[in-house]
C-alpha atoms as a PDB file:
ATOM      1  CA  UNK A   1     112.454 129.175 132.450  1.00  0.00           C
ATOM      2  CA  UNK A   2     110.355 128.012 129.515  1.00  0.00           C
ATOM      3  CA  UNK A   3     106.784 129.274 129.218  1.00  0.00           C
ATOM      4  CA  UNK A   4     104.065 127.263 127.494  1.00  0.00           C
ATOM      5  CA  UNK A   5     100.801 128.926 126.595  1.00  0.00           C
ATOM      6  CA  UNK A   6      98.100 126.293 127.025  1.00  0.00           C
ATOM      7  CA  UNK A   7      94.483 126.306 125.977  1.00  0.00           C
ATOM      8  CA  UNK A   8      93.147 127.824 129.182  1.00  0.00           C
ATOM      9  CA  UNK A   9      96.123 129.144 131.057  1.00  0.00           C
ATOM     10  CA  UNK A  10      99.837 129.760 131.097  1.00  0.00           C
ATOM     11  CA  UNK A  11     102.105 127.139 132.579  1.00  0.00           C
ATOM     12  CA  UNK A  12     105.770 127.547 133.381  1.00  0.00           C
ATOM     13  CA  UNK A  13     108.394 124.839 133.545  1.00  0.00           C
ATOM     14  CA  UNK A  14     111.931 125.220 134.795  1.00  0.00           C
ATOM     15  CA  UNK A  15     113.854 123.235 132.221  1.00  0.00           C
ATOM     16  CA  UNK A  16     117.159 123.809 133.964  1.00  0.00           C
ATOM     17  CA  UNK A  17     116.437 120.739 136.109  1.00  0.00           C
ATOM     18  CA  UNK A  18     115.611 118.510 133.132  1.00  0.00           C
ATOM     19  CA  UNK A  19     118.368 116.892 131.137  1.00  0.00           C
ATOM     20  CA  UNK A  20     117.135 116.761 127.554  1.00  0.00           C
ATOM     21  CA  UNK A  21     119.264 114.414 125.455  1.00  0.00           C
ATOM     22  CA  UNK A  22     120.136 115.738 122.041  1.00  0.00           C
ATOM     23  CA  UNK A  23     121.227 113.960 118.900  1.00  0.00           C
ATOM     24  CA  UNK A  24     124.617 114.669 117.428  1.00  0.00           C
ATOM     25  CA  UNK A  25     124.792 115.146 113.681  1.00  0.00           C
ATOM     26  CA  UNK A  26     127.026 112.082 113.467  1.00  0.00           C
ATOM     27  CA  UNK A  27     124.555 109.913 115.356  1.00  0.00           C
ATOM     28  CA  UNK A  28     121.597 111.211 113.330  1.00  0.00           C
ATOM     29  CA  UNK A  29     123.364 110.412 110.077  1.00  0.00           C
ATOM     30  CA  UNK A  30     124.203 106.958 111.392  1.00  0.00           C
ATOM     31  CA  UNK A  31     120.565 106.308 112.250  1.00  0.00           C
ATOM     32  CA  UNK A  32     119.539 107.204 108.725  1.00  0.00           C
ATOM     33  CA  UNK A  33     121.982 104.685 107.312  1.00  0.00           C
ATOM     34  CA  UNK A  34     121.020 101.813 109.600  1.00  0.00           C
ATOM     35  CA  UNK A  35     117.304 101.369 109.174  1.00  0.00           C
ATOM     36  CA  UNK A  36     116.238  98.326 111.168  1.00  0.00           C
ATOM     37  CA  UNK A  37     113.908  95.721 109.677  1.00  0.00           C
ATOM     38  CA  UNK A  38     112.269  92.959 111.673  1.00  0.00           C
ATOM     39  CA  UNK A  39     113.238  89.989 109.544  1.00  0.00           C
ATOM     40  CA  UNK A  40     110.273  87.822 110.547  1.00  0.00           C
ATOM     41  CA  UNK A  41     107.783  90.562 109.701  1.00  0.00           C
ATOM     42  CA  UNK A  42     109.857  92.833 107.462  1.00  0.00           C
ATOM     43  CA  UNK A  43     108.643  95.876 109.325  1.00  0.00           C
ATOM     44  CA  UNK A  44     110.893  98.942 108.956  1.00  0.00           C
ATOM     45  CA  UNK A  45     111.746 101.165 111.853  1.00  0.00           C
ATOM     46  CA  UNK A  46     109.238 103.988 112.171  1.00  0.00           C
ATOM     47  CA  UNK A  47     111.694 106.051 110.192  1.00  0.00           C
ATOM     48  CA  UNK A  48     112.473 108.061 112.817  1.00  0.00           C
ATOM     49  CA  UNK A  49     113.051 105.947 115.436  1.00  0.00           C
ATOM     50  CA  UNK A  50     116.164 108.041 115.585  1.00  0.00           C
ATOM     51  CA  UNK A  51     118.522 105.610 117.249  1.00  0.00           C
ATOM     52  CA  UNK A  52     119.411 107.208 120.555  1.00  0.00           C
ATOM     53  CA  UNK A  53     122.330 106.202 122.729  1.00  0.00           C
ATOM     54  CA  UNK A  54     121.219 103.414 125.100  1.00  0.00           C
ATOM     55  CA  UNK A  55     123.181 105.080 127.879  1.00  0.00           C
ATOM     56  CA  UNK A  56     121.034 108.186 127.505  1.00  0.00           C
ATOM     57  CA  UNK A  57     117.764 106.380 126.822  1.00  0.00           C
ATOM     58  CA  UNK A  58     117.007 103.063 128.464  1.00  0.00           C
ATOM     59  CA  UNK A  59     113.839 101.428 127.104  1.00  0.00           C
ATOM     60  CA  UNK A  60     110.894 101.591 129.471  1.00  0.00           C
ATOM     61  CA  UNK A  61     108.072  99.067 129.549  1.00  0.00           C
ATOM     62  CA  UNK A  62     104.844 101.053 129.045  1.00  0.00           C
ATOM     63  CA  UNK A  63     101.646  99.056 129.368  1.00  0.00           C
ATOM     64  CA  UNK A  64      99.055  98.798 126.611  1.00  0.00           C
ATOM     65  CA  UNK A  65      99.054  98.971 122.837  1.00  0.00           C
ATOM     66  CA  UNK A  66     100.718 101.012 120.036  1.00  0.00           C
ATOM     67  CA  UNK A  67     102.593 102.136 123.194  1.00  0.00           C
ATOM     68  CA  UNK A  68     100.070 103.128 125.811  1.00  0.00           C
ATOM     69  CA  UNK A  69      97.010 102.546 123.643  1.00  0.00           C
ATOM     70  CA  UNK A  70      94.013 100.243 123.163  1.00  0.00           C
ATOM     71  CA  UNK A  71      92.425  97.767 120.761  1.00  0.00           C
ATOM     72  CA  UNK A  72      90.701  99.489 117.836  1.00  0.00           C
ATOM     73  CA  UNK A  73      87.597  98.561 115.834  1.00  0.00           C
ATOM     74  CA  UNK A  74      87.103  98.864 112.083  1.00  0.00           C
ATOM     75  CA  UNK A  75      84.067 101.102 112.625  1.00  0.00           C
ATOM     76  CA  UNK A  76      86.295 103.570 114.502  1.00  0.00           C
ATOM     77  CA  UNK A  77      89.024 103.541 111.853  1.00  0.00           C
ATOM     78  CA  UNK A  78      87.442 102.476 108.528  1.00  0.00           C
ATOM     79  CA  UNK A  79      90.040 104.558 106.675  1.00  0.00           C
ATOM     80  CA  UNK A  80      93.001 102.534 107.982  1.00  0.00           C
ATOM     81  CA  UNK A  81      94.877 100.286 105.552  1.00  0.00           C
ATOM     82  CA  UNK A  82      97.947  98.105 105.881  1.00  0.00           C
ATOM     83  CA  UNK A  83     100.670  98.655 103.277  1.00  0.00           C
ATOM     84  CA  UNK A  84     102.039  95.308 102.043  1.00  0.00           C
ATOM     85  CA  UNK A  85     105.236  95.047  99.965  1.00  0.00           C
ATOM     86  CA  UNK A  86     106.269  91.663  98.557  1.00  0.00           C
ATOM     87  CA  UNK A  87     103.733  89.940 100.821  1.00  0.00           C
ATOM     88  CA  UNK A  88     105.147  91.467 104.016  1.00  0.00           C
ATOM     89  CA  UNK A  89     103.688  94.221 106.202  1.00  0.00           C
ATOM     90  CA  UNK A  90     105.593  97.443 105.639  1.00  0.00           C
ATOM     91  CA  UNK A  91     103.668 100.512 106.832  1.00  0.00           C
ATOM     92  CA  UNK A  92     100.231 101.959 107.445  1.00  0.00           C
ATOM     93  CA  UNK A  93      98.157 104.235 105.255  1.00  0.00           C
ATOM     94  CA  UNK A  94      94.684 105.762 105.079  1.00  0.00           C
ATOM     95  CA  UNK A  95      91.909 106.095 102.506  1.00  0.00           C
ATOM     96  CA  UNK A  96      90.999 109.628 101.410  1.00  0.00           C
ATOM     97  CA  UNK A  97      88.810 108.863  98.358  1.00  0.00           C
ATOM     98  CA  UNK A  98      87.599 106.034  96.098  1.00  0.00           C
ATOM     99  CA  UNK A  99      90.990 105.822  94.365  1.00  0.00           C
ATOM    100  CA  UNK A 100      93.578 107.409  96.655  1.00  0.00           C
ATOM    101  CA  UNK A 101      95.438 106.507  99.841  1.00  0.00           C
ATOM    102  CA  UNK A 102      97.961 108.620 101.746  1.00  0.00           C
ATOM    103  CA  UNK A 103     101.042 107.296 103.528  1.00  0.00           C
ATOM    104  CA  UNK A 104     104.532 108.500 104.506  1.00  0.00           C
ATOM    105  CA  UNK A 105     107.104 109.260 101.801  1.00  0.00           C
ATOM    106  CA  UNK A 106     109.723 107.152 103.578  1.00  0.00           C
ATOM    107  CA  UNK A 107     107.393 104.149 103.170  1.00  0.00           C
ATOM    108  CA  UNK A 108     106.992 104.806  99.445  1.00  0.00           C
ATOM    109  CA  UNK A 109     110.492 105.628  98.243  1.00  0.00           C
ATOM    110  CA  UNK A 110     111.820 103.319  95.514  1.00  0.00           C
ATOM    111  CA  UNK A 111     108.750 101.090  95.801  1.00  0.00           C
ATOM    112  CA  UNK A 112     107.576  99.309  92.654  1.00  0.00           C
ATOM    113  CA  UNK A 113     103.734  99.562  92.539  1.00  0.00           C
ATOM    114  CA  UNK A 114     103.556  96.034  91.133  1.00  0.00           C
ATOM    115  CA  UNK A 115     104.940  94.725  94.448  1.00  0.00           C
ATOM    116  CA  UNK A 116     102.427  96.659  96.573  1.00  0.00           C
ATOM    117  CA  UNK A 117      98.942  95.789  97.763  1.00  0.00           C
ATOM    118  CA  UNK A 118      96.855  97.381 100.487  1.00  0.00           C
ATOM    119  CA  UNK A 119      94.489  95.639 102.875  1.00  0.00           C
ATOM    120  CA  UNK A 120      91.363  97.496 103.982  1.00  0.00           C
ATOM    121  CA  UNK A 121      88.236  96.774 105.995  1.00  0.00           C
ATOM    122  CA  UNK A 122      89.756  94.831 108.883  1.00  0.00           C
ATOM    123  CA  UNK A 123      91.518  95.532 112.151  1.00  0.00           C
ATOM    124  CA  UNK A 124      93.530  92.348 111.677  1.00  0.00           C
ATOM    125  CA  UNK A 125      96.680  92.907 109.687  1.00  0.00           C
ATOM    126  CA  UNK A 126      96.408  89.765 107.551  1.00  0.00           C
ATOM    127  CA  UNK A 127      92.666  90.033 106.855  1.00  0.00           C
ATOM    128  CA  UNK A 128      90.554  92.423 104.799  1.00  0.00           C
ATOM    129  CA  UNK A 129      90.042  93.326 101.162  1.00  0.00           C
ATOM    130  CA  UNK A 130      93.058  93.406  98.852  1.00  0.00           C
ATOM    131  CA  UNK A 131      93.569  96.701  96.995  1.00  0.00           C
ATOM    132  CA  UNK A 132      96.176  96.521  94.184  1.00  0.00           C
ATOM    133  CA  UNK A 133      98.124  99.733  93.538  1.00  0.00           C
ATOM    134  CA  UNK A 134      99.075 101.203  90.156  1.00  0.00           C
ATOM    135  CA  UNK A 135     100.912 104.352  91.235  1.00  0.00           C
ATOM    136  CA  UNK A 136     103.060 105.410  94.198  1.00  0.00           C
ATOM    137  CA  UNK A 137     104.042 109.093  94.401  1.00  0.00           C
ATOM    138  CA  UNK A 138     106.307 110.220  97.281  1.00  0.00           C
ATOM    139  CA  UNK A 139     106.900 113.939  97.769  1.00  0.00           C
ATOM    140  CA  UNK A 140     109.815 114.699  95.403  1.00  0.00           C
ATOM    141  CA  UNK A 141     111.800 116.672  97.987  1.00  0.00           C
ATOM    142  CA  UNK A 142     111.288 114.343 100.934  1.00  0.00           C
ATOM    143  CA  UNK A 143     114.126 114.293 103.487  1.00  0.00           C
ATOM    144  CA  UNK A 144     115.480 117.735 102.580  1.00  0.00           C
ATOM    145  CA  UNK A 145     116.014 118.765 105.345  1.00  0.00           C
ATOM    146  CA  UNK A 146     116.002 115.491 107.292  1.00  0.00           C
ATOM    147  CA  UNK A 147     112.571 113.793 107.527  1.00  0.00           C
ATOM    148  CA  UNK A 148     110.824 116.845 106.065  1.00  0.00           C
ATOM    149  CA  UNK A 149     107.856 116.581 103.658  1.00  0.00           C
ATOM    150  CA  UNK A 150     107.148 112.971 104.601  1.00  0.00           C
ATOM    151  CA  UNK A 151     104.002 112.376 102.547  1.00  0.00           C
ATOM    152  CA  UNK A 152     103.103 110.140  99.597  1.00  0.00           C
ATOM    153  CA  UNK A 153     100.030 109.423  97.473  1.00  0.00           C
ATOM    154  CA  UNK A 154      99.045 105.940  96.279  1.00  0.00           C
ATOM    155  CA  UNK A 155      96.471 105.262  93.559  1.00  0.00           C
ATOM    156  CA  UNK A 156      94.455 102.052  93.505  1.00  0.00           C
ATOM    157  CA  UNK A 157      93.945  99.970  90.371  1.00  0.00           C
ATOM    158  CA  UNK A 158      90.183  99.941  90.901  1.00  0.00           C
ATOM    159  CA  UNK A 159      87.559 101.970  92.726  1.00  0.00           C
ATOM    160  CA  UNK A 160      87.430 101.142  96.437  1.00  0.00           C
ATOM    161  CA  UNK A 161      84.065  99.756  97.517  1.00  0.00           C
ATOM    162  CA  UNK A 162      82.926 101.463 100.698  1.00  0.00           C
ATOM    163  CA  UNK A 163      81.058  99.809 103.578  1.00  0.00           C
ATOM    164  CA  UNK A 164      80.896 100.177 107.364  1.00  0.00           C
ATOM    165  CA  UNK A 165      84.544  99.126 107.740  1.00  0.00           C
ATOM    166  CA  UNK A 166      85.945 100.811 104.627  1.00  0.00           C
ATOM    167  CA  UNK A 167      85.471 104.571 104.384  1.00  0.00           C
ATOM    168  CA  UNK A 168      87.574 107.626 103.495  1.00  0.00           C
ATOM    169  CA  UNK A 169      88.631 110.099 106.150  1.00  0.00           C
ATOM    170  CA  UNK A 170      88.026 113.792 105.579  1.00  0.00           C
ATOM    171  CA  UNK A 171      91.025 115.996 104.769  1.00  0.00           C
ATOM    172  CA  UNK A 172      91.614 119.385 106.433  1.00  0.00           C
ATOM    173  CA  UNK A 173      91.754 122.760 104.711  1.00  0.00           C
ATOM    174  CA  UNK A 174      95.153 124.245 103.928  1.00  0.00           C
ATOM    175  CA  UNK A 175      96.823 126.245 106.677  1.00  0.00           C
ATOM    176  CA  UNK A 176      94.820 124.878 109.616  1.00  0.00           C
ATOM    177  CA  UNK A 177      96.829 124.971 112.856  1.00  0.00           C
ATOM    178  CA  UNK A 178      96.766 122.181 115.439  1.00  0.00           C
ATOM    179  CA  UNK A 179      96.840 123.935 118.812  1.00  0.00           C
ATOM    180  CA  UNK A 180      98.984 122.616 121.641  1.00  0.00           C
ATOM    181  CA  UNK A 181      96.857 120.585 124.028  1.00  0.00           C
ATOM    182  CA  UNK A 182      94.538 119.260 121.314  1.00  0.00           C
ATOM    183  CA  UNK A 183      93.924 115.491 121.204  1.00  0.00           C
ATOM    184  CA  UNK A 184      95.327 113.654 118.184  1.00  0.00           C
ATOM    185  CA  UNK A 185      93.943 110.121 117.689  1.00  0.00           C
ATOM    186  CA  UNK A 186      96.396 107.722 116.023  1.00  0.00           C
ATOM    187  CA  UNK A 187      95.985 104.122 114.859  1.00  0.00           C
ATOM    188  CA  UNK A 188      98.435 101.520 113.598  1.00  0.00           C
ATOM    189  CA  UNK A 189      99.941  98.042 113.728  1.00  0.00           C
ATOM    190  CA  UNK A 190     103.257  99.236 115.152  1.00  0.00           C
ATOM    191  CA  UNK A 191     105.157  97.723 118.058  1.00  0.00           C
ATOM    192  CA  UNK A 192     103.518  97.991 121.462  1.00  0.00           C
ATOM    193  CA  UNK A 193     106.770  98.681 123.297  1.00  0.00           C
ATOM    194  CA  UNK A 194     110.285  99.728 122.487  1.00  0.00           C
ATOM    195  CA  UNK A 195     112.496  96.810 121.548  1.00  0.00           C
ATOM    196  CA  UNK A 196     109.654  94.397 120.738  1.00  0.00           C
ATOM    197  CA  UNK A 197     110.671  91.895 118.061  1.00  0.00           C
ATOM    198  CA  UNK A 198     107.215  91.559 116.500  1.00  0.00           C
ATOM    199  CA  UNK A 199     104.222  93.720 115.716  1.00  0.00           C
ATOM    200  CA  UNK A 200     100.612  93.025 116.754  1.00  0.00           C
ATOM    201  CA  UNK A 201      98.087  91.296 114.521  1.00  0.00           C
ATOM    202  CA  UNK A 202      95.313  93.628 115.683  1.00  0.00           C
ATOM    203  CA  UNK A 203      95.012  97.362 115.013  1.00  0.00           C
ATOM    204  CA  UNK A 204      95.766  99.577 117.999  1.00  0.00           C
ATOM    205  CA  UNK A 205      94.867 103.194 118.755  1.00  0.00           C
ATOM    206  CA  UNK A 206      96.103 105.862 121.143  1.00  0.00           C
ATOM    207  CA  UNK A 207      95.139 109.410 122.079  1.00  0.00           C
ATOM    208  CA  UNK A 208      98.126 111.761 122.027  1.00  0.00           C
ATOM    209  CA  UNK A 209      98.336 115.421 123.011  1.00  0.00           C
ATOM    210  CA  UNK A 210      99.623 117.945 120.475  1.00  0.00           C
ATOM    211  CA  UNK A 211     102.876 119.433 121.801  1.00  0.00           C
ATOM    212  CA  UNK A 212     103.963 123.041 121.385  1.00  0.00           C
ATOM    213  CA  UNK A 213     106.248 123.228 118.341  1.00  0.00           C
ATOM    214  CA  UNK A 214     108.941 125.260 120.089  1.00  0.00           C
ATOM    215  CA  UNK A 215     109.083 122.838 123.012  1.00  0.00           C
ATOM    216  CA  UNK A 216     109.326 119.878 120.636  1.00  0.00           C
ATOM    217  CA  UNK A 217     112.112 121.592 118.708  1.00  0.00           C
ATOM    218  CA  UNK A 218     114.006 122.036 121.961  1.00  0.00           C
ATOM    219  CA  UNK A 219     113.783 118.301 122.634  1.00  0.00           C
ATOM    220  CA  UNK A 220     114.928 117.296 119.145  1.00  0.00           C
ATOM    221  CA  UNK A 221     117.707 119.805 118.553  1.00  0.00           C
ATOM    222  CA  UNK A 222     119.870 119.964 116.470  1.00  0.00           C
ATOM    223  CA  UNK A 223     117.389 118.247 114.122  1.00  0.00           C
ATOM    224  CA  UNK A 224     115.290 120.941 112.450  1.00  0.00           C
ATOM    225  CA  UNK A 225     111.541 120.576 112.918  1.00  0.00           C
ATOM    226  CA  UNK A 226     109.987 122.456 110.015  1.00  0.00           C
ATOM    227  CA  UNK A 227     106.584 124.044 109.460  1.00  0.00           C
ATOM    228  CA  UNK A 228     105.591 120.775 107.754  1.00  0.00           C
ATOM    229  CA  UNK A 229     105.800 118.835 111.029  1.00  0.00           C
ATOM    230  CA  UNK A 230     103.807 118.623 114.233  1.00  0.00           C
ATOM    231  CA  UNK A 231     104.488 116.770 117.484  1.00  0.00           C
ATOM    232  CA  UNK A 232     102.219 114.852 119.833  1.00  0.00           C
ATOM    233  CA  UNK A 233     102.648 112.684 122.900  1.00  0.00           C
ATOM    234  CA  UNK A 234     102.899 112.793 126.675  1.00  0.00           C
ATOM    235  CA  UNK A 235     105.869 115.152 126.618  1.00  0.00           C
ATOM    236  CA  UNK A 236     107.185 115.086 130.179  1.00  0.00           C
ATOM    237  CA  UNK A 237     106.134 111.608 131.307  1.00  0.00           C
ATOM    238  CA  UNK A 238     106.157 109.529 128.119  1.00  0.00           C
ATOM    239  CA  UNK A 239     104.269 106.225 128.082  1.00  0.00           C
ATOM    240  CA  UNK A 240     102.179 106.976 124.974  1.00  0.00           C
ATOM    241  CA  UNK A 241     103.466 107.246 121.420  1.00  0.00           C
ATOM    242  CA  UNK A 242     103.700 105.768 117.969  1.00  0.00           C
ATOM    243  CA  UNK A 243     106.369 103.120 117.427  1.00  0.00           C
ATOM    244  CA  UNK A 244     108.113 101.110 114.697  1.00  0.00           C
ATOM    245  CA  UNK A 245     105.549  99.914 112.163  1.00  0.00           C
ATOM    246  CA  UNK A 246     103.082 102.785 112.698  1.00  0.00           C
ATOM    247  CA  UNK A 247     104.657 104.901 109.948  1.00  0.00           C
ATOM    248  CA  UNK A 248     102.263 106.150 107.296  1.00  0.00           C
ATOM    249  CA  UNK A 249      99.196 105.969 109.527  1.00  0.00           C
ATOM    250  CA  UNK A 250      96.939 108.923 110.209  1.00  0.00           C
ATOM    251  CA  UNK A 251      96.595 111.226 113.195  1.00  0.00           C
ATOM    252  CA  UNK A 252      93.091 112.707 113.384  1.00  0.00           C
ATOM    253  CA  UNK A 253      91.536 115.606 115.268  1.00  0.00           C
ATOM    254  CA  UNK A 254      87.745 115.512 115.640  1.00  0.00           C
ATOM    255  CA  UNK A 255      87.514 112.886 112.904  1.00  0.00           C
ATOM    256  CA  UNK A 256      89.525 114.875 110.348  1.00  0.00           C
ATOM    257  CA  UNK A 257      92.935 113.708 109.095  1.00  0.00           C
ATOM    258  CA  UNK A 258      95.582 116.144 110.296  1.00  0.00           C
ATOM    259  CA  UNK A 259      98.886 114.279 110.346  1.00  0.00           C
ATOM    260  CA  UNK A 260     100.874 111.298 109.049  1.00  0.00           C
ATOM    261  CA  UNK A 261     103.039 109.207 111.393  1.00  0.00           C
ATOM    262  CA  UNK A 262     106.621 110.076 110.454  1.00  0.00           C
ATOM    263  CA  UNK A 263     109.306 109.558 113.116  1.00  0.00           C
ATOM    264  CA  UNK A 264     110.278 109.631 116.761  1.00  0.00           C
ATOM    265  CA  UNK A 265     113.135 109.006 119.179  1.00  0.00           C
ATOM    266  CA  UNK A 266     112.423 105.656 120.758  1.00  0.00           C
ATOM    267  CA  UNK A 267     108.892 104.673 121.761  1.00  0.00           C
ATOM    268  CA  UNK A 268     107.024 106.186 124.693  1.00  0.00           C
ATOM    269  CA  UNK A 269     110.114 107.935 126.061  1.00  0.00           C
ATOM    270  CA  UNK A 270     109.850 111.112 128.190  1.00  0.00           C
ATOM    271  CA  UNK A 271     110.847 114.306 126.363  1.00  0.00           C
ATOM    272  CA  UNK A 272     110.537 112.507 123.006  1.00  0.00           C
ATOM    273  CA  UNK A 273     107.093 113.059 121.467  1.00  0.00           C
ATOM    274  CA  UNK A 274     106.154 111.432 118.173  1.00  0.00           C
ATOM    275  CA  UNK A 275     106.696 113.624 115.113  1.00  0.00           C
ATOM    276  CA  UNK A 276     104.170 113.735 112.284  1.00  0.00           C
ATOM    277  CA  UNK A 277     103.812 115.301 108.860  1.00  0.00           C
ATOM    278  CA  UNK A 278     101.310 118.154 109.154  1.00  0.00           C
ATOM    279  CA  UNK A 279      99.067 117.634 106.127  1.00  0.00           C
ATOM    280  CA  UNK A 280      97.466 121.054 106.653  1.00  0.00           C
ATOM    281  CA  UNK A 281     100.822 122.721 105.978  1.00  0.00           C
ATOM    282  CA  UNK A 282     100.543 124.588 102.650  1.00  0.00           C
ATOM    283  CA  UNK A 283     103.210 122.593 100.766  1.00  0.00           C
ATOM    284  CA  UNK A 284     101.824 119.283 101.997  1.00  0.00           C
ATOM    285  CA  UNK A 285      98.214 120.173 101.249  1.00  0.00           C
ATOM    286  CA  UNK A 286      99.085 121.484  97.772  1.00  0.00           C
ATOM    287  CA  UNK A 287     100.920 118.241  96.964  1.00  0.00           C
ATOM    288  CA  UNK A 288      97.932 116.162  98.056  1.00  0.00           C
ATOM    289  CA  UNK A 289      95.543 118.291  95.992  1.00  0.00           C
ATOM    290  CA  UNK A 290      97.783 118.108  92.932  1.00  0.00           C
ATOM    291  CA  UNK A 291      97.742 114.308  92.804  1.00  0.00           C
ATOM    292  CA  UNK A 292      94.297 113.495  94.243  1.00  0.00           C
ATOM    293  CA  UNK A 293      92.157 116.478  93.270  1.00  0.00           C
ATOM    294  CA  UNK A 294      91.012 116.737  96.899  1.00  0.00           C
END
């Protein structure tokens, strides 16, 4: 029997009747070595799309966007940017000040700033204002342990001009905890279903529910979920999640940035919530402050 303490009550679930697939160390290592890229779009797998065995996980066909989401407007998500490398969409990111953008470290590793531009101010991936980048700084100890500390800072060549569709998102204080059951709002240009060969032109958004850390760890074992991570999704039923191409985007609670899209097992699968970098975690927040002054 596993007990979850919710916001208003205590719920119990008998997990003995649920078969939770786990990832062998061999399979996890293999997934790290075989990052998929959509050739036509050059969109990397949402770096955690930890490749699960198709016998254990058959792709479902959730309806909607971003997997289970909706069309977004620029006024709702004026902080959202698309991360373009060598003229191809690569990841998402979000504006936090006039000169700085945050994204995932796995999007920024070994990236030459001269090959990077960001697009802001539009919900359409190929539209918006071009923002050249002069510096890309991934967390130096990213992926130790696996997927941990997945955060990076990017500095623009010029001051970003703000308007109704281009605005920074507020950052949280250090050490703030996201309680299980809280709504996390996520946006991105990632795939709208598992196995899709292309990504949407228009920005999508989805409301996910923060999942208890211990329950999420149970689902992802033996992969270690550290204090720098948080999980969100429709845990038992699936149908809503981030997907390949959403990496680097922001998860917000009450309009405040709280998380960065990092990885997940499949897209919209039951018992496989999306995993994010918790930017309130002390090490993550200190890194952001060090390089942005925020």
